[in-house]
C-alpha atoms as a PDB file:
ATOM      1  CA  UNK A   1    -189.224 -40.218 -98.674  1.00  0.00           C
ATOM      2  CA  UNK A   2    -191.493 -42.955 -97.370  1.00  0.00           C
ATOM      3  CA  UNK A   3    -190.818 -45.106 -94.312  1.00  0.00           C
ATOM      4  CA  UNK A   4    -189.667 -48.212 -96.211  1.00  0.00           C
ATOM      5  CA  UNK A   5    -187.076 -46.275 -98.164  1.00  0.00           C
ATOM      6  CA  UNK A   6    -185.884 -44.537 -94.996  1.00  0.00           C
ATOM      7  CA  UNK A   7    -185.505 -47.862 -93.167  1.00  0.00           C
ATOM      8  CA  UNK A   8    -183.789 -49.446 -96.154  1.00  0.00           C
ATOM      9  CA  UNK A   9    -181.351 -46.587 -96.378  1.00  0.00           C
ATOM     10  CA  UNK A  10    -180.696 -45.712 -92.721  1.00  0.00           C
ATOM     11  CA  UNK A  11    -182.428 -48.373 -90.625  1.00  0.00           C
ATOM     12  CA  UNK A  12    -179.529 -50.779 -90.148  1.00  0.00           C
ATOM     13  CA  UNK A  13    -177.170 -47.940 -89.346  1.00  0.00           C
ATOM     14  CA  UNK A  14    -179.519 -46.632 -86.675  1.00  0.00           C
ATOM     15  CA  UNK A  15    -180.067 -50.108 -85.211  1.00  0.00           C
ATOM     16  CA  UNK A  16    -176.322 -50.777 -85.190  1.00  0.00           C
ATOM     17  CA  UNK A  17    -175.740 -47.458 -83.409  1.00  0.00           C
ATOM     18  CA  UNK A  18    -178.339 -48.313 -80.763  1.00  0.00           C
ATOM     19  CA  UNK A  19    -176.766 -51.750 -80.275  1.00  0.00           C
ATOM     20  CA  UNK A  20    -173.275 -50.272 -79.869  1.00  0.00           C
ATOM     21  CA  UNK A  21    -174.631 -47.709 -77.378  1.00  0.00           C
ATOM     22  CA  UNK A  22    -176.262 -50.443 -75.267  1.00  0.00           C
ATOM     23  CA  UNK A  23    -173.120 -52.604 -75.273  1.00  0.00           C
ATOM     24  CA  UNK A  24    -170.956 -49.594 -74.385  1.00  0.00           C
ATOM     25  CA  UNK A  25    -173.318 -48.707 -71.529  1.00  0.00           C
ATOM     26  CA  UNK A  26    -173.116 -52.251 -70.135  1.00  0.00           C
ATOM     27  CA  UNK A  27    -169.322 -52.299 -70.264  1.00  0.00           C
ATOM     28  CA  UNK A  28    -169.200 -48.772 -68.879  1.00  0.00           C
ATOM     29  CA  UNK A  29    -171.289 -49.738 -65.854  1.00  0.00           C
ATOM     30  CA  UNK A  30    -169.070 -52.753 -65.159  1.00  0.00           C
ATOM     31  CA  UNK A  31    -165.883 -50.695 -65.505  1.00  0.00           C
ATOM     32  CA  UNK A  32    -167.334 -47.956 -63.291  1.00  0.00           C
ATOM     33  CA  UNK A  33    -168.132 -50.613 -60.667  1.00  0.00           C
ATOM     34  CA  UNK A  34    -164.577 -51.972 -60.796  1.00  0.00           C
ATOM     35  CA  UNK A  35    -163.073 -48.464 -60.635  1.00  0.00           C
ATOM     36  CA  UNK A  36    -165.212 -47.451 -57.666  1.00  0.00           C
ATOM     37  CA  UNK A  37    -164.366 -50.693 -55.891  1.00  0.00           C
ATOM     38  CA  UNK A  38    -160.631 -50.060 -56.321  1.00  0.00           C
ATOM     39  CA  UNK A  39    -161.046 -46.449 -55.235  1.00  0.00           C
ATOM     40  CA  UNK A  40    -162.911 -47.365 -52.053  1.00  0.00           C
ATOM     41  CA  UNK A  41    -161.245 -50.635 -51.041  1.00  0.00           C
ATOM     42  CA  UNK A  42    -157.842 -50.489 -52.711  1.00  0.00           C
ATOM     43  CA  UNK A  43    -155.969 -53.793 -52.926  1.00  0.00           C
ATOM     44  CA  UNK A  44    -158.734 -55.672 -51.086  1.00  0.00           C
ATOM     45  CA  UNK A  45    -160.859 -55.234 -54.208  1.00  0.00           C
ATOM     46  CA  UNK A  46    -158.580 -57.651 -56.078  1.00  0.00           C
ATOM     47  CA  UNK A  47    -159.207 -60.312 -53.448  1.00  0.00           C
ATOM     48  CA  UNK A  48    -162.959 -59.673 -53.506  1.00  0.00           C
ATOM     49  CA  UNK A  49    -163.245 -59.815 -57.294  1.00  0.00           C
ATOM     50  CA  UNK A  50    -160.994 -62.871 -57.442  1.00  0.00           C
ATOM     51  CA  UNK A  51    -162.979 -64.574 -54.698  1.00  0.00           C
ATOM     52  CA  UNK A  52    -166.225 -63.892 -56.501  1.00  0.00           C
ATOM     53  CA  UNK A  53    -164.853 -65.275 -59.774  1.00  0.00           C
ATOM     54  CA  UNK A  54    -163.561 -68.428 -58.077  1.00  0.00           C
ATOM     55  CA  UNK A  55    -166.860 -68.880 -56.207  1.00  0.00           C
ATOM     56  CA  UNK A  56    -168.939 -68.405 -59.341  1.00  0.00           C
ATOM     57  CA  UNK A  57    -166.743 -70.712 -61.427  1.00  0.00           C
ATOM     58  CA  UNK A  58    -166.415 -73.647 -59.023  1.00  0.00           C
ATOM     59  CA  UNK A  59    -169.258 -73.588 -56.498  1.00  0.00           C
ATOM     60  CA  UNK A  60    -172.118 -71.773 -58.201  1.00  0.00           C
ATOM     61  CA  UNK A  61    -171.687 -73.676 -61.478  1.00  0.00           C
ATOM     62  CA  UNK A  62    -171.846 -77.075 -59.776  1.00  0.00           C
ATOM     63  CA  UNK A  63    -174.901 -76.026 -57.779  1.00  0.00           C
ATOM     64  CA  UNK A  64    -176.724 -74.778 -60.866  1.00  0.00           C
ATOM     65  CA  UNK A  65    -175.835 -77.937 -62.827  1.00  0.00           C
ATOM     66  CA  UNK A  66    -177.168 -80.172 -60.059  1.00  0.00           C
ATOM     67  CA  UNK A  67    -180.287 -78.032 -59.676  1.00  0.00           C
ATOM     68  CA  UNK A  68    -180.975 -78.137 -63.411  1.00  0.00           C
ATOM     69  CA  UNK A  69    -180.463 -81.883 -63.545  1.00  0.00           C
ATOM     70  CA  UNK A  70    -182.871 -82.432 -60.639  1.00  0.00           C
ATOM     71  CA  UNK A  71    -185.516 -80.197 -62.206  1.00  0.00           C
ATOM     72  CA  UNK A  72    -185.014 -81.922 -65.544  1.00  0.00           C
ATOM     73  CA  UNK A  73    -185.666 -85.310 -63.968  1.00  0.00           C
ATOM     74  CA  UNK A  74    -188.726 -84.056 -62.123  1.00  0.00           C
ATOM     75  CA  UNK A  75    -190.352 -82.073 -64.918  1.00  0.00           C
ATOM     76  CA  UNK A  76    -189.186 -83.734 -68.131  1.00  0.00           C
ATOM     77  CA  UNK A  77    -188.612 -87.430 -67.336  1.00  0.00           C
ATOM     78  CA  UNK A  78    -191.810 -89.280 -68.280  1.00  0.00           C
ATOM     79  CA  UNK A  79    -190.870 -92.290 -66.111  1.00  0.00           C
ATOM     80  CA  UNK A  80    -190.132 -90.275 -62.968  1.00  0.00           C
ATOM     81  CA  UNK A  81    -192.085 -91.511 -59.962  1.00  0.00           C
ATOM     82  CA  UNK A  82    -193.517 -94.597 -61.656  1.00  0.00           C
ATOM     83  CA  UNK A  83    -192.901 -98.043 -60.238  1.00  0.00           C
ATOM     84  CA  UNK A  84    -190.760-100.465 -62.177  1.00  0.00           C
ATOM     85  CA  UNK A  85    -191.907-104.072 -62.247  1.00  0.00           C
END
């Protein structure tokens, strides 16, 4: 069996298996982090995770939007810094 026939027959299955393994590893690491946080800190972990989610949703998002807008004006606006007459 040559390589093209092997990839045609089994390639997508192998790639799909690798993809599922990577996604499962990512979710597993996150769940392990949450479990260890609850095991070490108990109920305080809920407040910490909730605080982080609120911070990232309200404060971090606004900061990143403003930062991106400022960089967009500086780098991509062709009229930035030119005098208007």
